[in-house]
């Protein structure tokens, strides 16, 4: 998986060539599937510290987004993705935790 910095640079480079609302533009059917991966304790501890989460043993609610960021950017920076990454900004998000997840489990 490319580094987050490389993905952001690629997004910045490809975005000027994409225009939202093009006639016939469609989202690609491509998928990225990765093998289940463990949460790296050092990365999780740093993320928890920087974001102000306690190290209670439960995975911070927003951490799965961190795990999925690189594959999502890989898809969105492909030439066949019709929207520019620059400007795809969400202004509001609401996350509901239905149960706590242990950081010891592997993530798909």
N, C-alpha and C. Protein backbone atom coordinates (compact mmCIF):
# COMPACT_ATOMS: atom_id res chain seq x y z
N UNK A 1 0.85 -1.18 0.00
CA UNK A 1 0.00 0.00 0.00
C UNK A 1 0.90 1.24 0.00
N UNK A 2 0.59 2.21 -0.82
CA UNK A 2 1.39 3.44 -0.83
C UNK A 2 1.23 4.21 0.48
N UNK A 3 2.23 5.02 0.75
CA UNK A 3 2.17 5.82 1.97
C UNK A 3 1.08 6.87 1.83
N UNK A 4 0.54 7.35 2.98
CA UNK A 4 -0.47 8.41 2.91
C UNK A 4 0.03 9.66 2.19
N UNK A 5 1.29 9.99 2.38
CA UNK A 5 1.85 11.19 1.73
C UNK A 5 1.85 10.99 0.22
N UNK A 6 2.28 9.80 -0.24
CA UNK A 6 2.30 9.53 -1.68
C UNK A 6 0.88 9.59 -2.25
N UNK A 7 -0.09 9.07 -1.50
CA UNK A 7 -1.48 9.11 -1.96
C UNK A 7 -2.00 10.53 -2.07
N UNK A 8 -1.66 11.37 -1.11
CA UNK A 8 -2.10 12.77 -1.15
C UNK A 8 -1.47 13.52 -2.31
N UNK A 9 -0.18 13.25 -2.56
CA UNK A 9 0.50 13.89 -3.69
C UNK A 9 -0.13 13.43 -5.00
N UNK A 10 -0.38 12.13 -5.11
CA UNK A 10 -1.01 11.60 -6.32
C UNK A 10 -2.39 12.22 -6.53
N UNK A 11 -3.14 12.39 -5.44
CA UNK A 11 -4.46 13.03 -5.53
C UNK A 11 -4.36 14.46 -6.01
N UNK A 12 -3.36 15.18 -5.52
CA UNK A 12 -3.18 16.57 -5.93
C UNK A 12 -2.78 16.66 -7.40
N UNK A 13 -1.99 15.70 -7.86
CA UNK A 13 -1.53 15.71 -9.25
C UNK A 13 -2.66 15.32 -10.21
N UNK A 14 -3.48 14.35 -9.84
CA UNK A 14 -4.53 13.89 -10.75
C UNK A 14 -5.78 14.75 -10.72
N UNK A 15 -6.03 15.44 -9.63
CA UNK A 15 -7.28 16.21 -9.48
C UNK A 15 -7.52 17.25 -10.57
N UNK A 16 -6.51 18.00 -11.01
CA UNK A 16 -6.79 19.02 -12.04
C UNK A 16 -7.32 18.44 -13.35
N UNK A 17 -7.12 17.14 -13.60
CA UNK A 17 -7.55 16.53 -14.85
C UNK A 17 -8.94 15.90 -14.76
N UNK A 18 -9.56 16.02 -13.60
CA UNK A 18 -10.89 15.43 -13.40
C UNK A 18 -11.90 16.54 -13.15
N UNK A 19 -13.08 16.39 -13.68
CA UNK A 19 -14.13 17.39 -13.50
C UNK A 19 -15.39 16.70 -13.01
N UNK A 20 -15.93 17.12 -11.87
CA UNK A 20 -17.19 16.53 -11.44
C UNK A 20 -18.32 16.90 -12.39
N UNK A 21 -19.29 16.01 -12.53
CA UNK A 21 -20.45 16.30 -13.35
C UNK A 21 -20.26 16.06 -14.83
N UNK A 22 -19.19 15.37 -15.22
CA UNK A 22 -19.00 15.07 -16.64
C UNK A 22 -20.10 14.13 -17.13
N UNK A 23 -20.65 14.36 -18.28
CA UNK A 23 -21.67 13.45 -18.81
C UNK A 23 -21.08 12.05 -18.99
N UNK A 24 -21.80 11.06 -18.54
CA UNK A 24 -21.37 9.67 -18.68
C UNK A 24 -20.35 9.20 -17.67
N UNK A 25 -19.91 10.09 -16.79
CA UNK A 25 -18.93 9.67 -15.78
C UNK A 25 -19.60 8.73 -14.79
N UNK A 26 -18.92 7.66 -14.46
CA UNK A 26 -19.47 6.68 -13.52
C UNK A 26 -18.37 6.23 -12.57
N UNK A 27 -18.77 5.85 -11.39
CA UNK A 27 -17.80 5.32 -10.45
C UNK A 27 -17.32 3.96 -10.94
N UNK A 28 -16.03 3.70 -10.85
CA UNK A 28 -15.53 2.41 -11.30
C UNK A 28 -16.02 1.28 -10.38
N UNK A 29 -16.03 0.09 -10.90
CA UNK A 29 -16.45 -1.07 -10.10
C UNK A 29 -15.26 -1.73 -9.42
N UNK A 30 -14.10 -1.14 -9.51
CA UNK A 30 -12.89 -1.70 -8.92
C UNK A 30 -13.01 -1.85 -7.41
N UNK A 31 -12.31 -2.84 -6.89
CA UNK A 31 -12.26 -3.07 -5.44
C UNK A 31 -10.82 -3.35 -5.06
N UNK A 32 -10.50 -3.02 -3.83
CA UNK A 32 -9.21 -3.41 -3.26
C UNK A 32 -9.54 -4.28 -2.06
N UNK A 33 -8.99 -5.47 -2.05
CA UNK A 33 -9.21 -6.38 -0.93
C UNK A 33 -7.84 -6.71 -0.34
N UNK A 34 -7.71 -6.49 0.92
CA UNK A 34 -6.46 -6.78 1.61
C UNK A 34 -6.67 -7.93 2.58
N UNK A 35 -5.62 -8.67 2.89
CA UNK A 35 -5.78 -9.72 3.89
C UNK A 35 -6.02 -9.10 5.26
N UNK A 36 -6.67 -9.84 6.17
CA UNK A 36 -6.87 -9.29 7.52
C UNK A 36 -5.52 -8.85 8.11
N UNK A 37 -5.54 -7.73 8.79
CA UNK A 37 -4.31 -7.17 9.34
C UNK A 37 -4.47 -6.85 10.82
N UNK A 38 -3.44 -7.11 11.60
CA UNK A 38 -3.52 -6.75 13.01
C UNK A 38 -3.30 -5.25 13.19
N UNK A 39 -3.80 -4.73 14.28
CA UNK A 39 -3.54 -3.34 14.64
C UNK A 39 -2.14 -3.30 15.24
N UNK A 40 -1.30 -2.40 14.76
CA UNK A 40 0.07 -2.29 15.26
C UNK A 40 0.03 -1.48 16.55
N UNK A 41 0.41 -2.07 17.69
CA UNK A 41 0.27 -1.39 18.98
C UNK A 41 0.95 -0.02 19.04
N UNK A 42 2.14 0.12 18.46
CA UNK A 42 2.83 1.41 18.49
C UNK A 42 2.09 2.49 17.73
N UNK A 43 1.55 2.13 16.57
CA UNK A 43 0.77 3.10 15.78
C UNK A 43 -0.51 3.49 16.51
N UNK A 44 -1.16 2.49 17.11
CA UNK A 44 -2.40 2.76 17.85
C UNK A 44 -2.12 3.66 19.05
N UNK A 45 -1.04 3.40 19.76
CA UNK A 45 -0.70 4.22 20.93
C UNK A 45 -0.43 5.67 20.52
N UNK A 46 0.30 5.85 19.42
CA UNK A 46 0.59 7.21 18.93
C UNK A 46 -0.69 7.91 18.51
N UNK A 47 -1.55 7.21 17.78
CA UNK A 47 -2.83 7.78 17.34
C UNK A 47 -3.68 8.17 18.55
N UNK A 48 -3.76 7.28 19.53
CA UNK A 48 -4.55 7.55 20.74
C UNK A 48 -4.02 8.77 21.48
N UNK A 49 -2.70 8.86 21.59
CA UNK A 49 -2.07 9.98 22.29
C UNK A 49 -2.33 11.30 21.56
N UNK A 50 -2.11 11.31 20.25
CA UNK A 50 -2.27 12.54 19.47
C UNK A 50 -3.72 13.01 19.47
N UNK A 51 -4.67 12.07 19.39
CA UNK A 51 -6.09 12.43 19.30
C UNK A 51 -6.76 12.56 20.66
N UNK A 52 -6.05 12.25 21.74
CA UNK A 52 -6.61 12.40 23.08
C UNK A 52 -7.51 11.25 23.53
N UNK A 53 -7.37 10.08 22.88
CA UNK A 53 -8.12 8.91 23.32
C UNK A 53 -7.39 8.23 24.47
N UNK A 54 -8.15 7.63 25.38
CA UNK A 54 -7.51 6.87 26.45
C UNK A 54 -7.06 5.54 25.89
N UNK A 55 -6.07 4.96 26.51
CA UNK A 55 -5.59 3.65 26.09
C UNK A 55 -6.27 2.60 26.95
N UNK A 56 -7.56 2.45 26.75
CA UNK A 56 -8.39 1.58 27.59
C UNK A 56 -8.41 0.14 27.12
N UNK A 57 -7.86 -0.14 25.97
CA UNK A 57 -7.95 -1.48 25.39
C UNK A 57 -8.97 -1.55 24.28
N UNK A 58 -9.93 -0.63 24.29
CA UNK A 58 -10.91 -0.57 23.21
C UNK A 58 -10.32 0.26 22.07
N UNK A 59 -10.59 -0.16 20.87
CA UNK A 59 -10.11 0.57 19.71
C UNK A 59 -10.83 1.90 19.61
N UNK A 60 -10.12 3.03 19.43
CA UNK A 60 -10.81 4.31 19.25
C UNK A 60 -11.78 4.22 18.07
N UNK A 61 -12.90 4.81 18.21
CA UNK A 61 -13.98 4.72 17.23
C UNK A 61 -13.55 5.12 15.82
N UNK A 62 -12.66 6.07 15.71
CA UNK A 62 -12.25 6.57 14.40
C UNK A 62 -11.05 5.83 13.81
N UNK A 63 -10.46 4.91 14.55
CA UNK A 63 -9.23 4.24 14.07
C UNK A 63 -9.44 3.39 12.82
N UNK A 64 -10.57 2.68 12.65
CA UNK A 64 -10.74 1.93 11.40
C UNK A 64 -10.63 2.80 10.14
N UNK A 65 -11.00 4.07 10.24
CA UNK A 65 -10.83 4.98 9.10
C UNK A 65 -9.34 5.10 8.75
N UNK A 66 -8.49 5.15 9.77
CA UNK A 66 -7.05 5.24 9.53
C UNK A 66 -6.58 4.01 8.76
N UNK A 67 -7.09 2.84 9.15
CA UNK A 67 -6.69 1.60 8.48
C UNK A 67 -7.18 1.56 7.03
N UNK A 68 -8.30 2.17 6.75
CA UNK A 68 -8.87 2.15 5.40
C UNK A 68 -8.47 3.32 4.53
N UNK A 69 -7.74 4.28 5.06
CA UNK A 69 -7.42 5.49 4.31
C UNK A 69 -6.56 5.20 3.07
N UNK A 70 -5.50 4.43 3.22
CA UNK A 70 -4.60 4.18 2.08
C UNK A 70 -5.31 3.44 0.95
N UNK A 71 -6.07 2.37 1.23
CA UNK A 71 -6.78 1.73 0.11
C UNK A 71 -7.83 2.64 -0.54
N UNK A 72 -8.51 3.44 0.27
CA UNK A 72 -9.51 4.36 -0.29
C UNK A 72 -8.84 5.38 -1.19
N UNK A 73 -7.73 5.92 -0.77
CA UNK A 73 -7.00 6.89 -1.60
C UNK A 73 -6.47 6.24 -2.86
N UNK A 74 -6.06 4.99 -2.74
CA UNK A 74 -5.56 4.28 -3.93
C UNK A 74 -6.66 4.18 -4.98
N UNK A 75 -7.88 3.90 -4.56
CA UNK A 75 -9.00 3.84 -5.50
C UNK A 75 -9.36 5.21 -6.06
N UNK A 76 -9.40 6.21 -5.18
CA UNK A 76 -9.85 7.54 -5.62
C UNK A 76 -8.84 8.30 -6.45
N UNK A 77 -7.57 7.87 -6.43
CA UNK A 77 -6.55 8.56 -7.23
C UNK A 77 -6.26 7.85 -8.54
N UNK A 78 -7.00 6.77 -8.82
CA UNK A 78 -6.86 6.11 -10.11
C UNK A 78 -7.42 7.01 -11.21
N UNK A 79 -6.89 6.86 -12.42
CA UNK A 79 -7.33 7.71 -13.53
C UNK A 79 -8.80 7.49 -13.87
N UNK A 80 -9.34 6.28 -13.58
CA UNK A 80 -10.73 6.03 -13.96
C UNK A 80 -11.73 6.49 -12.88
N UNK A 81 -11.25 7.01 -11.76
CA UNK A 81 -12.16 7.57 -10.76
C UNK A 81 -12.55 8.96 -11.24
N UNK A 82 -13.86 9.23 -11.39
CA UNK A 82 -14.28 10.44 -12.10
C UNK A 82 -14.21 11.75 -11.31
N UNK A 83 -14.03 11.70 -10.03
CA UNK A 83 -14.05 12.93 -9.22
C UNK A 83 -12.66 13.31 -8.75
N UNK A 84 -12.38 14.60 -8.67
CA UNK A 84 -11.09 15.03 -8.13
C UNK A 84 -11.04 14.78 -6.62
N UNK A 85 -9.92 14.27 -6.14
CA UNK A 85 -9.78 14.03 -4.71
C UNK A 85 -9.75 15.38 -3.97
N UNK A 86 -9.03 16.34 -4.55
CA UNK A 86 -9.01 17.67 -3.96
C UNK A 86 -10.42 18.24 -4.06
N UNK A 87 -11.00 18.56 -2.95
CA UNK A 87 -12.35 19.08 -2.92
C UNK A 87 -13.38 18.09 -2.42
N UNK A 88 -13.01 16.81 -2.33
CA UNK A 88 -13.92 15.81 -1.75
C UNK A 88 -13.79 15.91 -0.24
N UNK A 89 -14.50 16.86 0.32
CA UNK A 89 -14.38 17.13 1.75
C UNK A 89 -15.75 16.93 2.39
N UNK A 90 -15.76 16.17 3.45
CA UNK A 90 -17.01 16.06 4.19
C UNK A 90 -16.99 17.11 5.30
N UNK A 91 -18.10 17.74 5.51
CA UNK A 91 -18.16 18.79 6.52
C UNK A 91 -18.81 18.32 7.81
N UNK A 92 -19.38 17.14 7.78
CA UNK A 92 -20.03 16.62 8.97
C UNK A 92 -20.03 15.11 8.89
N UNK A 93 -19.73 14.47 9.99
CA UNK A 93 -19.80 13.02 10.04
C UNK A 93 -20.29 12.62 11.42
N UNK A 94 -21.11 11.63 11.46
CA UNK A 94 -21.61 11.12 12.73
C UNK A 94 -21.33 9.62 12.78
N UNK A 95 -20.68 9.17 13.82
CA UNK A 95 -20.31 7.77 13.97
C UNK A 95 -21.00 7.24 15.22
N UNK A 96 -21.64 6.10 15.10
CA UNK A 96 -22.29 5.48 16.24
C UNK A 96 -21.58 4.18 16.58
N UNK A 97 -21.18 4.04 17.82
CA UNK A 97 -20.55 2.80 18.27
C UNK A 97 -21.64 1.88 18.81
N UNK A 98 -21.76 0.71 18.23
CA UNK A 98 -22.73 -0.27 18.70
C UNK A 98 -22.12 -1.21 19.74
N UNK A 99 -20.82 -1.41 19.65
CA UNK A 99 -20.09 -2.18 20.66
C UNK A 99 -18.61 -1.84 20.53
N UNK A 100 -17.90 -1.96 21.63
CA UNK A 100 -16.46 -1.68 21.62
C UNK A 100 -15.73 -2.81 20.90
N UNK A 101 -14.69 -2.46 20.18
CA UNK A 101 -13.86 -3.44 19.48
C UNK A 101 -12.50 -3.49 20.14
N UNK A 102 -11.99 -4.66 20.34
CA UNK A 102 -10.67 -4.84 20.92
C UNK A 102 -9.61 -4.57 19.87
N UNK A 103 -8.50 -3.99 20.29
CA UNK A 103 -7.43 -3.73 19.32
C UNK A 103 -6.67 -5.01 19.02
N UNK A 104 -6.95 -6.11 19.71
CA UNK A 104 -6.26 -7.36 19.47
C UNK A 104 -6.78 -8.15 18.28
N UNK A 105 -7.92 -7.78 17.74
CA UNK A 105 -8.49 -8.55 16.61
C UNK A 105 -7.91 -8.06 15.29
N UNK A 106 -7.95 -8.91 14.30
CA UNK A 106 -7.48 -8.56 12.96
C UNK A 106 -8.61 -7.89 12.20
N UNK A 107 -8.27 -6.92 11.36
CA UNK A 107 -9.28 -6.14 10.63
C UNK A 107 -9.25 -6.50 9.16
N UNK A 108 -10.41 -6.67 8.56
CA UNK A 108 -10.54 -6.92 7.13
C UNK A 108 -10.65 -5.60 6.40
